[in-house]
Amino acid sequence: MEYTNFIDPQMLILIPVLLTIGKFIKSSERIGNKYIPSLLGLTGIVLGSLWTIKINGGLINISIIVSGTIQGILCSGAAVYANQVWKHSKE
C-alpha cells in the first residue's frame, strides 16, 4: 500500500512546510515542546483546507473542507512522525 492512497500527492508539500514551522516553534522559548504537535495539527488543518479550496477553484463546500481537514491531519502526522524518526535515529 502506497502513501498516495491516503495523502493526495498535491498535499505532500505540506509535510516539509509543517516541519519547518515546527522548527521555528521549537526555537521559540515561549511555546513548550508538548504543544508543538497540537499546533502543527491545527496549522495542517488550516493549510490543508485552504489548499483544497484553492485546487478546487475556490469552491467551498463541506466535502472540500472535510477533505482538506483530513489531508491536513495526515500531513501534520507525517511531519511529526518524520521529526521523531529523525530525532531518534541520531541517538
PDB file of N, CA and C in Angstrom:
ATOM      1  N   MET A   1       0.842  -1.172   0.000  1.00  0.00           N
ATOM      2  CA  MET A   1       0.000   0.000   0.000  1.00  0.00           C
ATOM      3  C   MET A   1       0.890   1.238   0.000  1.00  0.00           C
ATOM      4  N   GLU A   2       0.604   2.170  -0.877  1.00  0.00           N
ATOM      5  CA  GLU A   2       1.412   3.372  -1.013  1.00  0.00           C
ATOM      6  C   GLU A   2       0.814   4.520  -0.211  1.00  0.00           C
ATOM      7  N   TYR A   3       1.673   5.459   0.181  1.00  0.00           N
ATOM      8  CA  TYR A   3       1.198   6.630   0.909  1.00  0.00           C
ATOM      9  C   TYR A   3       0.227   7.452   0.074  1.00  0.00           C
ATOM     10  N   THR A   4       0.351   7.376  -1.274  1.00  0.00           N
ATOM     11  CA  THR A   4      -0.538   8.170  -2.126  1.00  0.00           C
ATOM     12  C   THR A   4      -1.974   7.675  -2.074  1.00  0.00           C
ATOM     13  N   ASN A   5      -2.193   6.517  -1.465  1.00  0.00           N
ATOM     14  CA  ASN A   5      -3.563   6.063  -1.258  1.00  0.00           C
ATOM     15  C   ASN A   5      -4.246   6.875  -0.165  1.00  0.00           C
ATOM     16  N   PHE A   6      -3.461   7.564   0.647  1.00  0.00           N
ATOM     17  CA  PHE A   6      -4.006   8.327   1.756  1.00  0.00           C
ATOM     18  C   PHE A   6      -3.790   9.831   1.585  1.00  0.00           C
ATOM     19  N   ILE A   7      -2.541  10.211   1.333  1.00  0.00           N
ATOM     20  CA  ILE A   7      -2.222  11.633   1.193  1.00  0.00           C
ATOM     21  C   ILE A   7      -2.212  11.984  -0.295  1.00  0.00           C
ATOM     22  N   ASP A   8      -2.998  12.988  -0.645  1.00  0.00           N
ATOM     23  CA  ASP A   8      -3.050  13.491  -2.015  1.00  0.00           C
ATOM     24  C   ASP A   8      -1.654  13.987  -2.399  1.00  0.00           C
ATOM     25  N   PRO A   9      -1.117  13.559  -3.545  1.00  0.00           N
ATOM     26  CA  PRO A   9       0.226  13.997  -3.931  1.00  0.00           C
ATOM     27  C   PRO A   9       0.395  15.514  -3.965  1.00  0.00           C
ATOM     28  N   GLN A  10      -0.663  16.255  -4.257  1.00  0.00           N
ATOM     29  CA  GLN A  10      -0.573  17.715  -4.250  1.00  0.00           C
ATOM     30  C   GLN A  10      -0.396  18.271  -2.845  1.00  0.00           C
ATOM     31  N   MET A  11      -0.719  17.476  -1.841  1.00  0.00           N
ATOM     32  CA  MET A  11      -0.614  17.922  -0.452  1.00  0.00           C
ATOM     33  C   MET A  11       0.742  17.594   0.175  1.00  0.00           C
ATOM     34  N   LEU A  12       1.568  16.828  -0.513  1.00  0.00           N
ATOM     35  CA  LEU A  12       2.844  16.419   0.067  1.00  0.00           C
ATOM     36  C   LEU A  12       3.744  17.598   0.413  1.00  0.00           C
ATOM     37  N   ILE A  13       3.574  18.719  -0.247  1.00  0.00           N
ATOM     38  CA  ILE A  13       4.359  19.905   0.053  1.00  0.00           C
ATOM     39  C   ILE A  13       4.106  20.389   1.483  1.00  0.00           C
ATOM     40  N   LEU A  14       2.952  20.045   2.040  1.00  0.00           N
ATOM     41  CA  LEU A  14       2.650  20.473   3.410  1.00  0.00           C
ATOM     42  C   LEU A  14       3.591  19.841   4.433  1.00  0.00           C
ATOM     43  N   ILE A  15       4.090  18.647   4.156  1.00  0.00           N
ATOM     44  CA  ILE A  15       4.940  17.969   5.144  1.00  0.00           C
ATOM     45  C   ILE A  15       6.213  18.767   5.425  1.00  0.00           C
ATOM     46  N   PRO A  16       7.026  19.130   4.412  1.00  0.00           N
ATOM     47  CA  PRO A  16       8.208  19.947   4.742  1.00  0.00           C
ATOM     48  C   PRO A  16       7.852  21.336   5.264  1.00  0.00           C
ATOM     49  N   VAL A  17       6.723  21.884   4.811  1.00  0.00           N
ATOM     50  CA  VAL A  17       6.282  23.184   5.330  1.00  0.00           C
ATOM     51  C   VAL A  17       5.996  23.069   6.827  1.00  0.00           C
ATOM     52  N   LEU A  18       5.288  22.025   7.220  1.00  0.00           N
ATOM     53  CA  LEU A  18       4.967  21.827   8.636  1.00  0.00           C
ATOM     54  C   LEU A  18       6.220  21.506   9.449  1.00  0.00           C
ATOM     55  N   LEU A  19       7.162  20.762   8.867  1.00  0.00           N
ATOM     56  CA  LEU A  19       8.431  20.500   9.565  1.00  0.00           C
ATOM     57  C   LEU A  19       9.172  21.814   9.834  1.00  0.00           C
ATOM     58  N   THR A  20       9.178  22.700   8.855  1.00  0.00           N
ATOM     59  CA  THR A  20       9.838  23.994   9.008  1.00  0.00           C
ATOM     60  C   THR A  20       9.135  24.843  10.061  1.00  0.00           C
ATOM     61  N   ILE A  21       7.822  24.861  10.027  1.00  0.00           N
ATOM     62  CA  ILE A  21       7.062  25.599  11.038  1.00  0.00           C
ATOM     63  C   ILE A  21       7.351  25.032  12.425  1.00  0.00           C
ATOM     64  N   GLY A  22       7.432  23.713  12.528  1.00  0.00           N
ATOM     65  CA  GLY A  22       7.752  23.076  13.802  1.00  0.00           C
ATOM     66  C   GLY A  22       9.123  23.477  14.326  1.00  0.00           C
ATOM     67  N   LYS A  23      10.106  23.602  13.417  1.00  0.00           N
ATOM     68  CA  LYS A  23      11.449  24.038  13.833  1.00  0.00           C
ATOM     69  C   LYS A  23      11.412  25.462  14.370  1.00  0.00           C
ATOM     70  N   PHE A  24      10.632  26.330  13.719  1.00  0.00           N
ATOM     71  CA  PHE A  24      10.511  27.709  14.206  1.00  0.00           C
ATOM     72  C   PHE A  24       9.821  27.748  15.569  1.00  0.00           C
ATOM     73  N   ILE A  25       8.792  26.948  15.730  1.00  0.00           N
ATOM     74  CA  ILE A  25       8.088  26.914  17.023  1.00  0.00           C
ATOM     75  C   ILE A  25       9.027  26.408  18.110  1.00  0.00           C
ATOM     76  N   LYS A  26       9.815  25.368  17.786  1.00  0.00           N
ATOM     77  CA  LYS A  26      10.727  24.792  18.772  1.00  0.00           C
ATOM     78  C   LYS A  26      11.786  25.803  19.199  1.00  0.00           C
ATOM     79  N   SER A  27      12.226  26.641  18.256  1.00  0.00           N
ATOM     80  CA  SER A  27      13.249  27.631  18.606  1.00  0.00           C
ATOM     81  C   SER A  27      12.678  28.769  19.458  1.00  0.00           C
ATOM     82  N   SER A  28      11.359  28.885  19.491  1.00  0.00           N
ATOM     83  CA  SER A  28      10.715  29.885  20.329  1.00  0.00           C
ATOM     84  C   SER A  28      10.774  29.428  21.783  1.00  0.00           C
ATOM     85  N   GLU A  29      11.069  30.340  22.655  1.00  0.00           N
ATOM     86  CA  GLU A  29      11.147  29.991  24.068  1.00  0.00           C
ATOM     87  C   GLU A  29       9.796  30.114  24.767  1.00  0.00           C
ATOM     88  N   ARG A  30       8.816  30.717  24.093  1.00  0.00           N
ATOM     89  CA  ARG A  30       7.523  30.958  24.732  1.00  0.00           C
ATOM     90  C   ARG A  30       6.564  29.786  24.603  1.00  0.00           C
ATOM     91  N   ILE A  31       6.842  28.855  23.709  1.00  0.00           N
ATOM     92  CA  ILE A  31       5.931  27.737  23.486  1.00  0.00           C
ATOM     93  C   ILE A  31       6.637  26.446  23.880  1.00  0.00           C
ATOM     94  N   GLY A  32       5.993  25.665  24.742  1.00  0.00           N
ATOM     95  CA  GLY A  32       6.576  24.412  25.205  1.00  0.00           C
ATOM     96  C   GLY A  32       6.539  23.333  24.132  1.00  0.00           C
ATOM     97  N   ASN A  33       7.477  22.401  24.217  1.00  0.00           N
ATOM     98  CA  ASN A  33       7.565  21.308  23.243  1.00  0.00           C
ATOM     99  C   ASN A  33       6.301  20.463  23.188  1.00  0.00           C
ATOM    100  N   LYS A  34       5.610  20.357  24.312  1.00  0.00           N
ATOM    101  CA  LYS A  34       4.428  19.495  24.331  1.00  0.00           C
ATOM    102  C   LYS A  34       3.286  20.041  23.476  1.00  0.00           C
ATOM    103  N   TYR A  35       3.352  21.331  23.138  1.00  0.00           N
ATOM    104  CA  TYR A  35       2.294  21.945  22.325  1.00  0.00           C
ATOM    105  C   TYR A  35       2.577  21.898  20.822  1.00  0.00           C
ATOM    106  N   ILE A  36       3.795  21.552  20.446  1.00  0.00           N
ATOM    107  CA  ILE A  36       4.166  21.569  19.029  1.00  0.00           C
ATOM    108  C   ILE A  36       3.299  20.643  18.184  1.00  0.00           C
ATOM    109  N   PRO A  37       3.072  19.378  18.557  1.00  0.00           N
ATOM    110  CA  PRO A  37       2.213  18.530  17.717  1.00  0.00           C
ATOM    111  C   PRO A  37       0.801  19.083  17.540  1.00  0.00           C
ATOM    112  N   SER A  38       0.238  19.653  18.604  1.00  0.00           N
ATOM    113  CA  SER A  38      -1.109  20.226  18.500  1.00  0.00           C
ATOM    114  C   SER A  38      -1.123  21.440  17.580  1.00  0.00           C
ATOM    115  N   LEU A  39      -0.127  22.293  17.725  1.00  0.00           N
ATOM    116  CA  LEU A  39      -0.051  23.474  16.867  1.00  0.00           C
ATOM    117  C   LEU A  39       0.162  23.087  15.406  1.00  0.00           C
ATOM    118  N   LEU A  40       0.995  22.074  15.174  1.00  0.00           N
ATOM    119  CA  LEU A  40       1.197  21.608  13.803  1.00  0.00           C
ATOM    120  C   LEU A  40      -0.073  20.973  13.253  1.00  0.00           C
ATOM    121  N   GLY A  41      -0.825  20.288  14.101  1.00  0.00           N
ATOM    122  CA  GLY A  41      -2.095  19.710  13.667  1.00  0.00           C
ATOM    123  C   GLY A  41      -3.073  20.777  13.238  1.00  0.00           C
ATOM    124  N   LEU A  42      -3.210  21.816  14.042  1.00  0.00           N
ATOM    125  CA  LEU A  42      -4.113  22.921  13.691  1.00  0.00           C
ATOM    126  C   LEU A  42      -3.640  23.650  12.435  1.00  0.00           C
ATOM    127  N   THR A  43      -2.342  23.875  12.351  1.00  0.00           N
ATOM    128  CA  THR A  43      -1.788  24.530  11.167  1.00  0.00           C
ATOM    129  C   THR A  43      -2.005  23.670   9.933  1.00  0.00           C
ATOM    130  N   GLY A  44      -1.810  22.362  10.071  1.00  0.00           N
ATOM    131  CA  GLY A  44      -2.031  21.447   8.953  1.00  0.00           C
ATOM    132  C   GLY A  44      -3.477  21.453   8.494  1.00  0.00           C
ATOM    133  N   ILE A  45      -4.399  21.504   9.429  1.00  0.00           N
ATOM    134  CA  ILE A  45      -5.830  21.550   9.081  1.00  0.00           C
ATOM    135  C   ILE A  45      -6.147  22.829   8.310  1.00  0.00           C
ATOM    136  N   VAL A  46      -5.651  23.957   8.809  1.00  0.00           N
ATOM    137  CA  VAL A  46      -5.925  25.240   8.139  1.00  0.00           C
ATOM    138  C   VAL A  46      -5.302  25.255   6.744  1.00  0.00           C
ATOM    139  N   LEU A  47      -4.008  24.900   6.656  1.00  0.00           N
ATOM    140  CA  LEU A  47      -3.335  24.925   5.357  1.00  0.00           C
ATOM    141  C   LEU A  47      -3.912  23.889   4.396  1.00  0.00           C
ATOM    142  N   GLY A  48      -4.227  22.708   4.920  1.00  0.00           N
ATOM    143  CA  GLY A  48      -4.827  21.677   4.079  1.00  0.00           C
ATOM    144  C   GLY A  48      -6.176  22.101   3.533  1.00  0.00           C
ATOM    145  N   SER A  49      -6.978  22.728   4.363  1.00  0.00           N
ATOM    146  CA  SER A  49      -8.290  23.205   3.913  1.00  0.00           C
ATOM    147  C   SER A  49      -8.148  24.315   2.886  1.00  0.00           C
ATOM    148  N   LEU A  50      -7.257  25.260   3.153  1.00  0.00           N
ATOM    149  CA  LEU A  50      -7.045  26.350   2.201  1.00  0.00           C
ATOM    150  C   LEU A  50      -6.526  25.838   0.864  1.00  0.00           C
ATOM    151  N   TRP A  51      -5.602  24.885   0.920  1.00  0.00           N
ATOM    152  CA  TRP A  51      -5.054  24.325  -0.318  1.00  0.00           C
ATOM    153  C   TRP A  51      -6.123  23.554  -1.091  1.00  0.00           C
ATOM    154  N   THR A  52      -6.946  22.798  -0.397  1.00  0.00           N
ATOM    155  CA  THR A  52      -8.015  22.049  -1.058  1.00  0.00           C
ATOM    156  C   THR A  52      -9.013  23.006  -1.704  1.00  0.00           C
ATOM    157  N   ILE A  53      -9.327  24.087  -1.045  1.00  0.00           N
ATOM    158  CA  ILE A  53     -10.219  25.094  -1.636  1.00  0.00           C
ATOM    159  C   ILE A  53      -9.577  25.679  -2.892  1.00  0.00           C
ATOM    160  N   LYS A  54      -8.280  25.978  -2.810  1.00  0.00           N
ATOM    161  CA  LYS A  54      -7.586  26.563  -3.948  1.00  0.00           C
ATOM    162  C   LYS A  54      -7.590  25.620  -5.146  1.00  0.00           C
ATOM    163  N   ILE A  55      -7.259  24.349  -4.938  1.00  0.00           N
ATOM    164  CA  ILE A  55      -7.172  23.429  -6.076  1.00  0.00           C
ATOM    165  C   ILE A  55      -8.540  23.063  -6.633  1.00  0.00           C
ATOM    166  N   ASN A  56      -9.594  23.395  -5.910  1.00  0.00           N
ATOM    167  CA  ASN A  56     -10.950  23.172  -6.407  1.00  0.00           C
ATOM    168  C   ASN A  56     -11.566  24.469  -6.943  1.00  0.00           C
ATOM    169  N   GLY A  57     -10.717  25.389  -7.338  1.00  0.00           N
ATOM    170  CA  GLY A  57     -11.183  26.619  -7.972  1.00  0.00           C
ATOM    171  C   GLY A  57     -11.902  27.576  -7.048  1.00  0.00           C
ATOM    172  N   GLY A  58     -11.593  27.534  -5.771  1.00  0.00           N
ATOM    173  CA  GLY A  58     -12.215  28.443  -4.822  1.00  0.00           C
ATOM    174  C   GLY A  58     -13.581  27.991  -4.332  1.00  0.00           C
ATOM    175  N   LEU A  59     -13.998  26.814  -4.775  1.00  0.00           N
ATOM    176  CA  LEU A  59     -15.289  26.268  -4.355  1.00  0.00           C
ATOM    177  C   LEU A  59     -15.219  25.844  -2.888  1.00  0.00           C
ATOM    178  N   ILE A  60     -16.186  26.266  -2.111  1.00  0.00           N
ATOM    179  CA  ILE A  60     -16.222  25.910  -0.695  1.00  0.00           C
ATOM    180  C   ILE A  60     -17.515  25.151  -0.425  1.00  0.00           C
ATOM    181  N   ASN A  61     -17.346  23.898  -0.024  1.00  0.00           N
ATOM    182  CA  ASN A  61     -18.484  23.123   0.469  1.00  0.00           C
ATOM    183  C   ASN A  61     -17.968  22.164   1.527  1.00  0.00           C
ATOM    184  N   ILE A  62     -18.858  21.479   2.174  1.00  0.00           N
ATOM    185  CA  ILE A  62     -18.470  20.662   3.325  1.00  0.00           C
ATOM    186  C   ILE A  62     -17.518  19.531   2.938  1.00  0.00           C
ATOM    187  N   SER A  63     -17.704  18.927   1.774  1.00  0.00           N
ATOM    188  CA  SER A  63     -16.822  17.824   1.386  1.00  0.00           C
ATOM    189  C   SER A  63     -15.397  18.316   1.126  1.00  0.00           C
ATOM    190  N   ILE A  64     -15.261  19.512   0.588  1.00  0.00           N
ATOM    191  CA  ILE A  64     -13.931  20.074   0.351  1.00  0.00           C
ATOM    192  C   ILE A  64     -13.261  20.414   1.674  1.00  0.00           C
ATOM    193  N   ILE A  65     -14.006  20.976   2.598  1.00  0.00           N
ATOM    194  CA  ILE A  65     -13.443  21.294   3.917  1.00  0.00           C
ATOM    195  C   ILE A  65     -13.049  20.022   4.665  1.00  0.00           C
ATOM    196  N   VAL A  66     -13.888  19.002   4.617  1.00  0.00           N
ATOM    197  CA  VAL A  66     -13.578  17.733   5.290  1.00  0.00           C
ATOM    198  C   VAL A  66     -12.347  17.095   4.659  1.00  0.00           C
ATOM    199  N   SER A  67     -12.279  17.109   3.341  1.00  0.00           N
ATOM    200  CA  SER A  67     -11.122  16.556   2.645  1.00  0.00           C
ATOM    201  C   SER A  67      -9.850  17.300   3.028  1.00  0.00           C
ATOM    202  N   GLY A  68      -9.913  18.614   3.047  1.00  0.00           N
ATOM    203  CA  GLY A  68      -8.753  19.413   3.442  1.00  0.00           C
ATOM    204  C   GLY A  68      -8.351  19.177   4.883  1.00  0.00           C
ATOM    205  N   THR A  69      -9.334  19.015   5.748  1.00  0.00           N
ATOM    206  CA  THR A  69      -9.053  18.736   7.156  1.00  0.00           C
ATOM    207  C   THR A  69      -8.346  17.397   7.312  1.00  0.00           C
ATOM    208  N   ILE A  70      -8.853  16.386   6.639  1.00  0.00           N
ATOM    209  CA  ILE A  70      -8.232  15.057   6.717  1.00  0.00           C
ATOM    210  C   ILE A  70      -6.819  15.090   6.154  1.00  0.00           C
ATOM    211  N   GLN A  71      -6.642  15.748   5.013  1.00  0.00           N
ATOM    212  CA  GLN A  71      -5.306  15.852   4.422  1.00  0.00           C
ATOM    213  C   GLN A  71      -4.361  16.610   5.349  1.00  0.00           C
ATOM    214  N   GLY A  72      -4.838  17.665   5.992  1.00  0.00           N
ATOM    215  CA  GLY A  72      -4.011  18.422   6.925  1.00  0.00           C
ATOM    216  C   GLY A  72      -3.595  17.593   8.130  1.00  0.00           C
ATOM    217  N   ILE A  73      -4.519  16.786   8.642  1.00  0.00           N
ATOM    218  CA  ILE A  73      -4.198  15.916   9.777  1.00  0.00           C
ATOM    219  C   ILE A  73      -3.164  14.874   9.366  1.00  0.00           C
ATOM    220  N   LEU A  74      -3.350  14.265   8.200  1.00  0.00           N
ATOM    221  CA  LEU A  74      -2.402  13.256   7.720  1.00  0.00           C
ATOM    222  C   LEU A  74      -1.019  13.857   7.485  1.00  0.00           C
ATOM    223  N   CYS A  75      -0.973  15.049   6.902  1.00  0.00           N
ATOM    224  CA  CYS A  75       0.318  15.691   6.643  1.00  0.00           C
ATOM    225  C   CYS A  75       1.005  16.116   7.936  1.00  0.00           C
ATOM    226  N   SER A  76       0.244  16.630   8.885  1.00  0.00           N
ATOM    227  CA  SER A  76       0.862  17.015  10.151  1.00  0.00           C
ATOM    228  C   SER A  76       1.327  15.776  10.915  1.00  0.00           C
ATOM    229  N   GLY A  77       0.572  14.704  10.837  1.00  0.00           N
ATOM    230  CA  GLY A  77       1.017  13.448  11.455  1.00  0.00           C
ATOM    231  C   GLY A  77       2.296  12.939  10.821  1.00  0.00           C
ATOM    232  N   ALA A  78       2.394  13.034   9.504  1.00  0.00           N
ATOM    233  CA  ALA A  78       3.614  12.608   8.810  1.00  0.00           C
ATOM    234  C   ALA A  78       4.791  13.497   9.197  1.00  0.00           C
ATOM    235  N   ALA A  79       4.557  14.792   9.359  1.00  0.00           N
ATOM    236  CA  ALA A  79       5.629  15.711   9.742  1.00  0.00           C
ATOM    237  C   ALA A  79       6.133  15.410  11.152  1.00  0.00           C
ATOM    238  N   VAL A  80       5.217  15.209  12.085  1.00  0.00           N
ATOM    239  CA  VAL A  80       5.614  14.897  13.461  1.00  0.00           C
ATOM    240  C   VAL A  80       6.329  13.543  13.511  1.00  0.00           C
ATOM    241  N   TYR A  81       5.812  12.563  12.771  1.00  0.00           N
ATOM    242  CA  TYR A  81       6.442  11.247  12.725  1.00  0.00           C
ATOM    243  C   TYR A  81       7.841  11.339  12.125  1.00  0.00           C
ATOM    244  N   ALA A  82       7.992  12.074  11.024  1.00  0.00           N
ATOM    245  CA  ALA A  82       9.299  12.228  10.388  1.00  0.00           C
ATOM    246  C   ALA A  82      10.283  12.889  11.346  1.00  0.00           C
ATOM    247  N   ASN A  83       9.824  13.885  12.090  1.00  0.00           N
ATOM    248  CA  ASN A  83      10.681  14.543  13.059  1.00  0.00           C
ATOM    249  C   ASN A  83      11.135  13.569  14.146  1.00  0.00           C
ATOM    250  N   GLN A  84      10.224  12.750  14.632  1.00  0.00           N
ATOM    251  CA  GLN A  84      10.570  11.785  15.682  1.00  0.00           C
ATOM    252  C   GLN A  84      11.541  10.728  15.170  1.00  0.00           C
ATOM    253  N   VAL A  85      11.317  10.247  13.954  1.00  0.00           N
ATOM    254  CA  VAL A  85      12.235   9.259  13.368  1.00  0.00           C
ATOM    255  C   VAL A  85      13.620   9.868  13.218  1.00  0.00           C
ATOM    256  N   TRP A  86      13.685  11.101  12.720  1.00  0.00           N
ATOM    257  CA  TRP A  86      14.968  11.784  12.559  1.00  0.00           C
ATOM    258  C   TRP A  86      15.657  11.965  13.904  1.00  0.00           C
ATOM    259  N   LYS A  87      14.910  12.416  14.902  1.00  0.00           N
ATOM    260  CA  LYS A  87      15.475  12.673  16.221  1.00  0.00           C
ATOM    261  C   LYS A  87      16.018  11.386  16.859  1.00  0.00           C
ATOM    262  N   HIS A  88      15.256  10.314  16.739  1.00  0.00           N
ATOM    263  CA  HIS A  88      15.671   9.061  17.372  1.00  0.00           C
ATOM    264  C   HIS A  88      16.745   8.338  16.589  1.00  0.00           C
ATOM    265  N   SER A  89      16.880   8.625  15.311  1.00  0.00           N
ATOM    266  CA  SER A  89      17.944   7.988  14.534  1.00  0.00           C
ATOM    267  C   SER A  89      19.306   8.559  14.896  1.00  0.00           C
ATOM    268  N   LYS A  90      19.333   9.757  15.469  1.00  0.00           N
ATOM    269  CA  LYS A  90      20.594  10.388  15.862  1.00  0.00           C
ATOM    270  C   LYS A  90      21.056   9.920  17.234  1.00  0.00           C
ATOM    271  N   GLU A  91      20.193   9.248  17.977  1.00  0.00           N
ATOM    272  CA  GLU A  91      20.561   8.806  19.340  1.00  0.00           C
ATOM    273  C   GLU A  91      21.355   7.528  19.298  1.00  0.00           C
TER     274      GLU A  91
END
